[in-house]
Amino acid sequence: MYLAAGLGIGNAVFGGESDGGRGLNLPQFDGVGDAEEFYGRMVNEFPCHPVFLRNYAQVLQSKGDLLGAEDYYYRATLADPEDSEILAQYAKIVWELYHDKERALTYYERAAQAAANDSHVLAAYARFLWELEDENVTDGVQNNHLQQGILDEKEVMTSEKEKSVGIPAIMFDIANFTATGTNGNGENIEENYKQMIEEDPSNPLILKSYAQFLYKVNQDLGGAKEYYSRAILADPMDSEALVMYAKLVWQLHHDHDKASSYFERAVQASPTDSHILAAYASFLWETESDDENGNDCILPNTVSLKEAMSYASA
């Protein structure tokens, strides 16, 4: 598995060459001698071959020559504009060297478009967006933060939009709900939700909020799935509802195709939302682990995906 923050450097074992279908019978580094000298010579002999350009860039990067690596990653993107790994590597080094947000973002977007189902590319893109958030330089790039338990188990907060349609703030204060579904004032929150849904059965915000209540407080996964489904029917572009519905489809039924289709819709609805991208990456990692090892899950439920990304970058 490529490391989410490294994308390739963690895999830079220069003992073999895979040309990715770009040519046959190419020279291969046998692990004997100097990798930099070998790939430098290959780049001179095959100046437009993306694999040699990428691998030479990786060697330079591993030796601390970031400017040289940036040059050869860039040349590799020109040689193969659709190679998502190369695009993501170039985006990462551009960000590290120049902190050029717009340029790095462009290449991460291209990488995600080229490999929409690559968990490692999506995870690298998500990490980049998180770094932007941490540095307060998003400038509108990230507007749709996922405010509940998909990734880092944040409690649901009331948005201005939700307030504007009259959903009481106390309905979102999950931290103060008791096991019986009442708040600190003794109000029965579930009954309030049911009444609001009866009065306005097609309001996606109310439907989604009730689904969140069922998921987080009642731990009623089947009921949460039903109301996320109704929220999606009311608002098909709500990426948060889409990704939570996908997550529940996978948890309850292990229906890979259906879950994947809803994760893809969520990414299409919010292509620059780091949490949506990371949730999809987590699903892809989990299903890849199932396929390869027969394990139930690669990421324990007690570990947030943001924590897992941090582990992956170590």
Protein backbone atom coordinates (compact mmCIF):
# COMPACT_ATOMS: atom_id res chain seq x y z
CA MET A 1 0.00 0.00 0.00
CA TYR A 2 1.28 3.42 -0.88
CA LEU A 3 1.53 5.73 2.09
CA ALA A 4 -1.13 8.42 2.04
CA ALA A 5 1.39 11.20 2.50
CA GLY A 6 4.20 9.61 0.51
CA LEU A 7 2.59 8.11 -2.57
CA GLY A 8 5.45 6.22 -4.09
CA ILE A 9 8.46 7.05 -1.97
CA GLY A 10 7.39 4.34 0.47
CA ASN A 11 7.37 1.98 -2.50
CA ALA A 12 10.67 3.12 -3.98
CA VAL A 13 12.38 -0.25 -3.85
CA PHE A 14 14.48 -0.01 -6.93
CA GLY A 15 14.92 -3.72 -7.48
CA GLY A 16 12.52 -4.05 -10.38
CA GLU A 17 10.77 -2.07 -13.05
CA SER A 18 7.12 -2.12 -13.99
CA ASP A 19 6.47 -0.16 -17.13
CA GLY A 20 2.72 0.01 -16.62
CA GLY A 21 2.12 -1.16 -20.17
CA ARG A 22 4.18 1.70 -21.63
CA GLY A 23 6.74 -0.55 -23.29
CA LEU A 24 8.29 -4.00 -23.28
CA ASN A 25 11.74 -5.35 -22.45
CA LEU A 26 12.94 -2.13 -20.84
CA PRO A 27 16.14 -2.17 -18.80
CA GLN A 28 15.56 -2.98 -15.15
CA PHE A 29 17.57 -1.92 -12.14
CA ASP A 30 18.86 -5.11 -10.51
CA GLY A 31 19.57 -3.54 -7.14
CA VAL A 32 23.32 -3.65 -7.67
CA GLY A 33 25.13 -0.37 -8.02
CA ASP A 34 23.89 3.17 -7.73
CA ALA A 35 20.17 3.76 -8.37
CA GLU A 36 20.71 7.43 -9.15
CA GLU A 37 23.31 6.62 -11.80
CA PHE A 38 21.11 3.90 -13.33
CA TYR A 39 17.94 5.99 -13.57
CA GLY A 40 19.91 9.04 -14.71
CA ARG A 41 21.25 6.95 -17.57
CA MET A 42 17.77 5.59 -18.37
CA VAL A 43 16.35 9.11 -18.47
CA ASN A 44 19.03 10.07 -20.97
CA GLU A 45 18.23 7.04 -23.11
CA PHE A 46 14.44 7.27 -22.70
CA PRO A 47 13.81 10.99 -22.06
CA CYS A 48 10.03 10.73 -22.47
CA HIS A 49 9.36 7.56 -20.53
CA PRO A 50 7.20 8.43 -17.49
CA VAL A 51 8.28 5.46 -15.38
CA PHE A 52 11.99 6.28 -15.64
CA LEU A 53 11.30 9.96 -15.08
CA ARG A 54 9.19 9.18 -12.01
CA ASN A 55 11.68 6.72 -10.55
CA TYR A 56 14.57 9.10 -11.07
CA ALA A 57 12.55 11.79 -9.33
CA GLN A 58 11.94 9.38 -6.44
CA VAL A 59 15.66 8.65 -6.12
CA LEU A 60 16.46 12.37 -6.07
CA GLN A 61 13.72 13.01 -3.54
CA SER A 62 14.96 10.21 -1.28
CA LYS A 63 18.41 11.84 -1.34
CA GLY A 64 17.01 15.25 -0.40
CA ASP A 65 17.29 16.88 -3.84
CA LEU A 66 13.76 18.25 -3.88
CA LEU A 67 14.36 20.75 -6.68
CA GLY A 68 15.75 18.04 -8.92
CA ALA A 69 12.88 15.73 -7.98
CA GLU A 70 10.33 18.45 -8.74
CA ASP A 71 11.82 18.92 -12.21
CA TYR A 72 11.61 15.23 -13.08
CA TYR A 73 8.16 14.74 -11.58
CA TYR A 74 7.01 17.62 -13.77
CA ARG A 75 8.58 16.04 -16.84
CA ALA A 76 6.83 12.78 -15.92
CA THR A 77 3.46 14.58 -15.79
CA LEU A 78 4.10 15.84 -19.32
CA ALA A 79 5.07 12.36 -20.48
CA ASP A 80 1.91 10.81 -19.01
CA PRO A 81 -0.73 13.42 -18.09
CA GLU A 82 -3.13 10.71 -16.86
CA ASP A 83 -0.88 8.94 -14.36
CA SER A 84 -2.58 9.71 -11.05
CA GLU A 85 0.39 8.64 -8.91
CA ILE A 86 2.79 10.93 -10.75
CA LEU A 87 0.30 13.81 -10.62
CA ALA A 88 -0.17 13.38 -6.86
CA GLN A 89 3.58 13.12 -6.25
CA TYR A 90 4.18 16.29 -8.23
CA ALA A 91 1.39 18.10 -6.37
CA LYS A 92 2.89 17.06 -3.04
CA ILE A 93 6.39 18.25 -3.84
CA VAL A 94 5.10 21.55 -5.29
CA TRP A 95 3.32 22.15 -2.01
CA GLU A 96 6.37 21.21 0.05
CA LEU A 97 8.76 23.37 -1.98
CA TYR A 98 6.72 26.44 -2.85
CA HIS A 99 3.52 26.31 -0.81
CA ASP A 100 1.82 27.08 -4.11
CA LYS A 101 -1.75 26.25 -3.14
CA GLU A 102 -3.38 26.77 -6.52
CA ARG A 103 -0.80 24.79 -8.45
CA ALA A 104 -0.78 21.90 -5.99
CA LEU A 105 -4.57 21.88 -5.88
CA THR A 106 -4.76 21.71 -9.67
CA TYR A 107 -2.54 18.63 -9.80
CA TYR A 108 -4.29 16.91 -6.91
CA GLU A 109 -7.61 17.51 -8.68
CA ARG A 110 -6.18 16.04 -11.88
CA ALA A 111 -4.90 13.03 -9.95
CA ALA A 112 -8.30 12.44 -8.35
CA GLN A 113 -10.04 12.75 -11.70
CA ALA A 114 -7.59 10.33 -13.32
CA ALA A 115 -8.06 7.73 -10.59
CA ALA A 116 -11.44 8.32 -9.00
CA ASN A 117 -11.34 4.95 -7.20
CA ASP A 118 -7.72 5.00 -6.01
CA SER A 119 -7.80 5.09 -2.22
CA HIS A 120 -4.19 6.27 -1.95
CA VAL A 121 -4.63 9.19 -4.33
CA LEU A 122 -7.85 10.23 -2.58
CA ALA A 123 -6.16 9.96 0.81
CA ALA A 124 -3.22 12.08 -0.33
CA TYR A 125 -5.64 14.70 -1.67
CA ALA A 126 -7.58 14.65 1.59
CA ARG A 127 -4.37 15.16 3.60
CA PHE A 128 -3.49 18.14 1.44
CA LEU A 129 -6.90 19.70 2.04
CA TRP A 130 -6.51 19.09 5.77
CA GLU A 131 -3.17 20.89 5.66
CA LEU A 132 -4.87 23.83 3.97
CA GLU A 133 -7.47 23.88 6.71
CA ASP A 134 -4.81 23.71 9.41
CA GLU A 135 -3.00 26.67 7.86
CA ASN A 136 -6.19 28.66 7.36
CA VAL A 137 -5.52 29.12 3.66
CA THR A 138 -8.57 27.41 2.21
CA ASP A 139 -10.04 30.61 0.70
CA GLY A 140 -13.27 28.87 -0.16
CA VAL A 141 -11.72 25.60 -1.34
CA GLN A 142 -13.24 23.68 1.55
CA ASN A 143 -16.79 24.72 2.34
CA ASN A 144 -18.59 21.50 3.18
CA HIS A 145 -17.07 20.17 6.41
CA LEU A 146 -18.54 16.89 7.54
CA GLN A 147 -19.79 17.60 11.06
CA GLN A 148 -20.56 14.14 12.39
CA GLY A 149 -19.12 10.73 12.97
CA ILE A 150 -17.81 9.76 9.55
CA LEU A 151 -14.15 10.43 10.31
CA ASP A 152 -13.08 12.05 13.53
CA GLU A 153 -16.30 11.66 15.50
CA LYS A 154 -17.04 15.39 15.86
CA GLU A 155 -20.42 16.11 17.37
CA VAL A 156 -23.07 17.57 15.09
CA MET A 157 -23.33 21.33 15.30
CA THR A 158 -26.18 23.56 14.18
CA SER A 159 -25.50 25.41 10.94
CA GLU A 160 -26.97 28.75 10.04
CA LYS A 161 -28.96 27.04 7.29
CA GLU A 162 -30.49 24.62 9.77
CA LYS A 163 -31.37 27.44 12.13
CA SER A 164 -33.02 29.28 9.26
CA VAL A 165 -35.56 26.50 8.74
CA GLY A 166 -36.43 26.40 12.41
CA ILE A 167 -34.66 23.27 13.66
CA PRO A 168 -34.02 23.92 17.35
CA ALA A 169 -30.36 24.07 18.35
CA ILE A 170 -30.92 21.60 21.18
CA MET A 171 -31.80 18.95 18.58
CA PHE A 172 -28.16 18.95 17.45
CA ASP A 173 -26.53 18.90 20.86
CA ILE A 174 -25.80 15.17 20.77
CA ALA A 175 -23.34 15.40 23.64
CA ASN A 176 -26.24 16.28 25.98
CA PHE A 177 -28.61 13.54 24.85
CA THR A 178 -29.24 10.74 27.33
CA ALA A 179 -29.67 7.09 26.52
CA THR A 180 -33.43 7.63 26.67
CA GLY A 181 -33.32 10.31 23.96
CA THR A 182 -34.02 13.29 26.17
CA ASN A 183 -32.02 16.46 26.60
CA GLY A 184 -30.98 18.22 29.77
CA ASN A 185 -34.43 19.80 30.03
CA GLY A 186 -36.23 16.45 29.90
CA GLU A 187 -37.60 17.03 26.41
CA ASN A 188 -38.16 13.92 24.31
CA ILE A 189 -36.04 14.67 21.24
CA GLU A 190 -37.25 11.75 19.17
CA GLU A 191 -40.89 12.72 19.58
CA ASN A 192 -39.98 16.26 18.54
CA TYR A 193 -38.28 14.91 15.42
CA LYS A 194 -41.27 12.75 14.51
CA GLN A 195 -43.60 15.70 14.88
CA MET A 196 -41.38 17.90 12.70
CA ILE A 197 -41.17 15.20 10.02
CA GLU A 198 -44.94 14.74 10.07
CA GLU A 199 -45.35 18.46 9.52
CA ASP A 200 -42.63 18.71 6.85
CA PRO A 201 -41.92 15.19 5.49
CA SER A 202 -39.71 16.34 2.58
CA ASN A 203 -37.35 18.64 4.45
CA PRO A 204 -33.87 17.18 3.85
CA LEU A 205 -32.31 18.95 6.83
CA ILE A 206 -34.83 17.55 9.28
CA LEU A 207 -34.62 14.08 7.74
CA LYS A 208 -30.82 14.10 7.89
CA SER A 209 -30.79 15.44 11.44
CA TYR A 210 -33.15 12.68 12.56
CA ALA A 211 -30.97 10.12 10.80
CA GLN A 212 -27.96 11.48 12.69
CA PHE A 213 -29.92 11.20 15.94
CA LEU A 214 -30.82 7.58 15.21
CA TYR A 215 -27.22 6.77 14.29
CA LYS A 216 -25.40 8.55 17.11
CA VAL A 217 -27.86 8.36 20.00
CA ASN A 218 -30.21 5.42 19.43
CA GLN A 219 -27.60 3.42 17.53
CA ASP A 220 -30.43 2.36 15.25
CA LEU A 221 -28.47 1.74 12.06
CA GLY A 222 -31.44 0.47 10.08
CA GLY A 223 -33.54 3.49 11.00
CA ALA A 224 -30.66 5.84 10.27
CA LYS A 225 -30.21 4.25 6.85
CA GLU A 226 -33.90 4.73 6.06
CA TYR A 227 -33.89 8.43 6.95
CA TYR A 228 -30.60 9.12 5.19
CA SER A 229 -32.22 7.55 2.13
CA ARG A 230 -35.22 9.87 2.48
CA ALA A 231 -32.89 12.85 2.93
CA ILE A 232 -31.09 11.91 -0.29
CA LEU A 233 -34.38 11.69 -2.19
CA ALA A 234 -35.19 15.19 -0.92
CA ASP A 235 -31.70 16.53 -1.71
CA PRO A 236 -29.72 14.26 -4.11
CA MET A 237 -26.63 16.49 -3.89
CA ASP A 238 -26.18 16.33 -0.11
CA SER A 239 -22.72 14.73 0.04
CA GLU A 240 -22.88 14.21 3.80
CA ALA A 241 -26.10 12.21 3.57
CA LEU A 242 -24.76 10.29 0.57
CA VAL A 243 -21.58 9.23 2.31
CA MET A 244 -23.34 8.26 5.54
CA TYR A 245 -25.89 6.23 3.57
CA ALA A 246 -23.02 4.51 1.73
CA LYS A 247 -21.31 3.78 5.03
CA LEU A 248 -24.48 2.23 6.47
CA VAL A 249 -25.13 0.16 3.34
CA TRP A 250 -21.66 -1.30 3.77
CA GLN A 251 -21.98 -1.80 7.54
CA LEU A 252 -25.41 -3.43 7.36
CA HIS A 253 -25.32 -5.36 4.10
CA HIS A 254 -21.72 -5.45 2.84
CA ASP A 255 -23.15 -4.47 -0.54
CA HIS A 256 -19.95 -3.25 -2.18
CA ASP A 257 -21.44 -2.07 -5.48
CA LYS A 258 -24.26 -0.10 -3.90
CA ALA A 259 -22.03 1.47 -1.24
CA SER A 260 -19.41 2.35 -3.84
CA SER A 261 -21.99 4.04 -6.07
CA TYR A 262 -23.13 6.29 -3.21
CA PHE A 263 -19.56 7.13 -2.19
CA GLU A 264 -18.88 8.09 -5.82
CA ARG A 265 -21.97 10.29 -5.87
CA ALA A 266 -20.79 11.96 -2.66
CA VAL A 267 -17.39 12.74 -4.18
CA GLN A 268 -19.04 14.07 -7.34
CA ALA A 269 -21.26 16.31 -5.22
CA SER A 270 -18.34 17.64 -3.12
CA PRO A 271 -15.09 16.94 -4.99
CA THR A 272 -12.95 19.20 -2.76
CA ASP A 273 -14.34 18.12 0.61
CA SER A 274 -11.44 16.46 2.44
CA HIS A 275 -13.72 14.47 4.74
CA ILE A 276 -15.77 13.07 1.87
CA LEU A 277 -12.61 12.10 -0.01
CA ALA A 278 -11.12 10.51 3.09
CA ALA A 279 -14.32 8.60 3.89
CA TYR A 280 -14.26 7.12 0.40
CA ALA A 281 -10.56 6.32 0.76
CA SER A 282 -11.31 4.53 4.05
CA PHE A 283 -14.01 2.45 2.36
CA LEU A 284 -11.66 1.55 -0.48
CA TRP A 285 -8.92 0.56 1.96
CA GLU A 286 -11.36 -1.58 3.92
CA THR A 287 -12.65 -3.37 0.84
CA GLU A 288 -9.13 -3.82 -0.54
CA SER A 289 -8.18 -5.43 2.77
CA ASP A 290 -11.20 -7.74 2.56
CA ASP A 291 -10.23 -8.82 -0.94
CA GLU A 292 -6.56 -9.39 -0.15
CA ASN A 293 -6.61 -10.80 3.36
CA GLY A 294 -10.18 -11.74 4.21
CA ASN A 295 -10.08 -9.32 7.14
CA ASP A 296 -13.16 -7.50 8.24
CA CYS A 297 -11.64 -4.05 8.42
CA ILE A 298 -8.29 -2.31 7.98
CA LEU A 299 -9.22 0.64 10.19
CA PRO A 300 -10.62 -0.18 13.65
CA ASN A 301 -13.82 1.67 14.51
CA THR A 302 -12.07 3.19 17.52
CA VAL A 303 -9.55 4.98 15.31
CA SER A 304 -10.64 8.01 13.32
CA LEU A 305 -9.61 8.20 9.69
CA LYS A 306 -7.75 11.43 10.37
CA GLU A 307 -5.67 9.54 12.94
CA ALA A 308 -5.13 6.73 10.45
CA MET A 309 -3.87 9.23 7.89
CA SER A 310 -1.40 10.48 10.47
CA TYR A 311 -0.18 6.95 11.08
CA ALA A 312 0.18 6.44 7.34
CA SER A 313 2.38 9.52 6.99
CA ALA A 314 4.87 8.32 9.60
